[in-house]
């Protein structure tokens, strides 16, 4: 399997797919395509145009199959490697897991637009300003706080004792909340620390800190 990703410091969707592959020890080769100005003649678009019609990352290439959407990548991996339990086993909890992944997949646009992921920077002053000035951002943070606080165990993950696809989907949000110092409940702070302690997340962060582009 080949996974094409963008900068680890910035690319939230790349992070999600990469974490699933890395955490569940699914062998893959990583191809990092650095972000540029995204114009058609530049390297980013030129490179991806040879692989996918949408010109975005991540892209998973497996034999003759190309998948260019993170949720579709995760679903494919879950079906391809059922023994690794990428989704939680309980069917009701699995439905809930898919629902919160879909909510992240299509929602929280204010957070995305105002607070782009930037792992290497301390943006707490900006985060405080944005939070105070933007009611839509406050409401999205409140909703994420609710999702994180609904987990069954204070020390657990979103859908049980083990890391699963929903945790990969919300890990970039943890990065944003950390960088921008966005306020969350004590329960959510525990969840953030749980995610930050995941070895695959730590590996992604270490590599993001090394980037100079």
Protein backbone atom coordinates (compact mmCIF):
# COMPACT_ATOMS: atom_id res chain seq x y z
CA UNK A 1 0.00 0.00 0.00
CA UNK A 2 1.17 3.52 -0.83
CA UNK A 3 -0.14 6.54 1.10
CA UNK A 4 0.30 10.03 -0.31
CA UNK A 5 0.10 12.75 2.33
CA UNK A 6 0.71 16.47 2.80
CA UNK A 7 2.81 18.23 5.42
CA UNK A 8 2.51 16.60 8.83
CA UNK A 9 2.40 20.01 10.45
CA UNK A 10 -0.73 21.07 8.57
CA UNK A 11 -2.56 18.20 6.88
CA UNK A 12 -5.36 17.01 9.14
CA UNK A 13 -6.90 14.53 6.71
CA UNK A 14 -3.50 13.02 5.97
CA UNK A 15 -2.96 12.59 9.70
CA UNK A 16 -6.18 10.62 10.10
CA UNK A 17 -5.40 8.04 7.42
CA UNK A 18 -1.74 7.81 8.44
CA UNK A 19 -2.63 7.19 12.11
CA UNK A 20 -4.93 4.32 11.22
CA UNK A 21 -2.26 2.62 9.13
CA UNK A 22 0.48 3.29 11.68
CA UNK A 23 -1.42 2.41 14.85
CA UNK A 24 -2.83 -0.82 13.47
CA UNK A 25 0.54 -1.80 12.02
CA UNK A 26 -0.67 -2.11 8.45
CA UNK A 27 2.40 -2.04 6.19
CA UNK A 28 2.54 0.96 3.85
CA UNK A 29 4.94 3.21 2.04
CA UNK A 30 4.59 6.92 2.73
CA UNK A 31 4.94 9.56 0.03
CA UNK A 32 4.96 13.12 1.36
CA UNK A 33 3.93 15.75 -1.18
CA UNK A 34 4.75 19.16 0.36
CA UNK A 35 2.12 21.86 0.19
CA UNK A 36 2.80 24.85 -2.05
CA UNK A 37 0.44 27.47 -3.50
CA UNK A 38 -1.77 24.70 -4.99
CA UNK A 39 -1.71 26.23 -8.46
CA UNK A 40 -2.04 23.72 -11.34
CA UNK A 41 1.53 24.20 -12.50
CA UNK A 42 3.15 23.65 -9.10
CA UNK A 43 4.53 20.37 -7.74
CA UNK A 44 1.65 19.50 -5.39
CA UNK A 45 -1.06 19.51 -8.05
CA UNK A 46 1.25 18.12 -10.73
CA UNK A 47 2.22 15.15 -8.55
CA UNK A 48 -1.30 14.31 -7.44
CA UNK A 49 -2.74 14.74 -10.93
CA UNK A 50 -0.84 11.60 -11.90
CA UNK A 51 -2.63 9.64 -9.16
CA UNK A 52 -6.08 11.05 -8.46
CA UNK A 53 -8.58 13.29 -10.30
CA UNK A 54 -9.33 15.43 -7.21
CA UNK A 55 -5.80 16.66 -6.54
CA UNK A 56 -6.01 16.36 -2.75
CA UNK A 57 -4.41 14.30 0.02
CA UNK A 58 -4.51 11.73 1.40
CA UNK A 59 -4.58 9.17 -1.36
CA UNK A 60 -4.23 5.43 -0.78
CA UNK A 61 -2.97 3.32 -3.66
CA UNK A 62 -3.28 -0.45 -3.29
CA UNK A 63 -2.41 -2.44 -6.37
CA UNK A 64 -4.75 -1.04 -9.05
CA UNK A 65 -7.11 0.64 -6.57
CA UNK A 66 -6.98 4.38 -5.81
CA UNK A 67 -8.91 5.81 -2.82
CA UNK A 68 -8.85 9.60 -2.31
CA UNK A 69 -11.10 10.17 0.70
CA UNK A 70 -10.05 9.58 4.31
CA UNK A 71 -13.29 7.97 5.46
CA UNK A 72 -13.32 5.71 2.40
CA UNK A 73 -9.68 4.79 3.09
CA UNK A 74 -10.53 3.84 6.67
CA UNK A 75 -13.55 1.79 5.60
CA UNK A 76 -11.44 -0.04 3.03
CA UNK A 77 -8.75 -0.82 5.59
CA UNK A 78 -11.35 -2.04 8.09
CA UNK A 79 -12.79 -4.42 5.50
CA UNK A 80 -9.37 -5.51 4.28
CA UNK A 81 -8.06 -6.23 7.81
CA UNK A 82 -11.07 -7.25 9.94
CA UNK A 83 -8.84 -9.06 12.42
CA UNK A 84 -7.27 -5.75 13.49
CA UNK A 85 -10.57 -4.29 14.73
CA UNK A 86 -10.27 -0.80 13.29
CA UNK A 87 -13.92 -0.30 14.23
CA UNK A 88 -15.20 -1.34 17.66
CA UNK A 89 -16.79 -4.82 17.68
CA UNK A 90 -20.12 -3.96 19.31
CA UNK A 91 -22.56 -3.16 16.50
CA UNK A 92 -24.39 -0.38 18.37
CA UNK A 93 -21.16 1.31 19.37
CA UNK A 94 -19.89 0.86 15.84
CA UNK A 95 -22.90 2.73 14.50
CA UNK A 96 -22.19 5.53 16.99
CA UNK A 97 -18.54 5.52 15.93
CA UNK A 98 -19.50 5.95 12.29
CA UNK A 99 -21.89 8.76 13.22
CA UNK A 100 -19.27 10.83 15.02
CA UNK A 101 -16.77 10.20 12.22
CA UNK A 102 -19.32 11.40 9.68
CA UNK A 103 -20.03 14.44 11.85
CA UNK A 104 -16.33 15.32 11.83
CA UNK A 105 -16.03 14.49 8.15
CA UNK A 106 -18.66 17.03 7.11
CA UNK A 107 -18.90 19.49 10.00
CA UNK A 108 -17.08 21.92 12.28
CA UNK A 109 -16.32 24.28 9.42
CA UNK A 110 -15.72 27.30 11.66
CA UNK A 111 -13.01 25.46 13.58
CA UNK A 112 -11.44 24.30 10.32
CA UNK A 113 -11.41 27.80 8.80
CA UNK A 114 -10.39 29.83 11.84
CA UNK A 115 -7.98 27.42 13.52
CA UNK A 116 -6.04 25.41 10.91
CA UNK A 117 -3.77 22.75 12.34
CA UNK A 118 -0.26 23.98 13.08
CA UNK A 119 1.51 21.60 15.45
CA UNK A 120 4.75 23.54 15.71
CA UNK A 121 3.34 26.89 16.84
CA UNK A 122 2.05 28.24 20.16
CA UNK A 123 -1.16 29.99 19.08
CA UNK A 124 -2.86 30.34 22.46
CA UNK A 125 -3.21 34.12 22.27
CA UNK A 126 -4.93 33.84 18.91
CA UNK A 127 -7.09 30.99 20.19
CA UNK A 128 -8.31 33.05 23.14
CA UNK A 129 -9.15 35.94 20.83
CA UNK A 130 -10.97 33.74 18.32
CA UNK A 131 -12.94 31.99 21.05
CA UNK A 132 -14.09 35.23 22.65
CA UNK A 133 -15.11 36.82 19.35
CA UNK A 134 -16.82 33.94 17.54
CA UNK A 135 -20.01 32.34 18.81
CA UNK A 136 -20.02 29.71 16.06
CA UNK A 137 -16.58 28.57 17.19
CA UNK A 138 -17.79 28.40 20.78
CA UNK A 139 -20.71 26.20 19.74
CA UNK A 140 -18.50 23.82 17.75
CA UNK A 141 -16.07 23.49 20.64
CA UNK A 142 -18.99 22.77 22.96
CA UNK A 143 -20.21 20.01 20.64
CA UNK A 144 -16.75 18.42 20.40
CA UNK A 145 -16.47 18.62 24.18
CA UNK A 146 -19.78 16.75 24.43
CA UNK A 147 -18.56 13.98 22.11
CA UNK A 148 -15.31 13.57 23.99
CA UNK A 149 -17.02 13.59 27.39
CA UNK A 150 -19.45 10.81 26.43
CA UNK A 151 -16.82 8.07 26.41
CA UNK A 152 -17.47 5.29 28.90
CA UNK A 153 -14.17 5.54 30.78
CA UNK A 154 -12.22 8.61 31.87
CA UNK A 155 -9.00 6.93 30.73
CA UNK A 156 -10.54 5.37 27.64
CA UNK A 157 -10.96 6.25 24.00
CA UNK A 158 -14.08 7.49 22.24
CA UNK A 159 -15.62 4.06 21.71
CA UNK A 160 -14.04 1.86 24.34
CA UNK A 161 -10.74 0.86 25.86
CA UNK A 162 -8.84 0.74 22.58
CA UNK A 163 -7.90 3.29 19.93
CA UNK A 164 -10.16 3.03 16.86
CA UNK A 165 -11.05 4.98 13.72
CA UNK A 166 -13.02 7.74 15.55
CA UNK A 167 -9.95 8.56 17.64
CA UNK A 168 -7.93 8.99 14.44
CA UNK A 169 -10.65 11.33 13.17
CA UNK A 170 -10.54 13.52 16.27
CA UNK A 171 -6.76 13.43 16.82
CA UNK A 172 -6.16 16.49 14.56
CA UNK A 173 -8.74 18.35 16.65
CA UNK A 174 -6.67 17.54 19.71
CA UNK A 175 -3.71 19.11 17.88
CA UNK A 176 -5.75 22.25 17.18
CA UNK A 177 -7.06 22.54 20.73
CA UNK A 178 -3.54 22.12 22.08
CA UNK A 179 -1.94 24.70 19.77
CA UNK A 180 -4.71 27.29 20.19
CA UNK A 181 -5.35 26.60 23.90
CA UNK A 182 -9.09 26.25 23.31
CA UNK A 183 -11.10 25.67 26.50
CA UNK A 184 -12.61 22.26 27.19
CA UNK A 185 -13.88 20.38 30.22
CA UNK A 186 -11.65 18.38 32.55
CA UNK A 187 -12.97 15.17 31.00
CA UNK A 188 -11.95 16.33 27.53
CA UNK A 189 -8.55 17.38 28.82
CA UNK A 190 -8.07 13.78 29.97
CA UNK A 191 -9.07 12.57 26.52
CA UNK A 192 -6.62 14.94 24.86
CA UNK A 193 -3.82 13.58 27.01
CA UNK A 194 -4.85 10.01 26.18
CA UNK A 195 -4.56 10.82 22.47
CA UNK A 196 -1.24 12.63 22.95
CA UNK A 197 0.13 9.48 24.60
CA UNK A 198 -0.68 7.22 21.63
CA UNK A 199 2.66 6.17 20.07
CA UNK A 200 1.46 6.77 16.49
CA UNK A 201 0.32 10.30 17.43
CA UNK A 202 3.66 10.99 19.09
CA UNK A 203 5.46 9.76 15.97
CA UNK A 204 3.40 12.08 13.76
CA UNK A 205 4.13 15.04 16.05
CA UNK A 206 7.86 14.33 16.13
CA UNK A 207 8.00 14.29 12.36
CA UNK A 208 5.89 17.45 12.12
CA UNK A 209 8.37 19.25 14.36
CA UNK A 210 11.19 18.32 12.00
CA UNK A 211 9.53 19.84 8.95
CA UNK A 212 11.03 23.02 7.52
CA UNK A 213 8.66 23.50 4.57
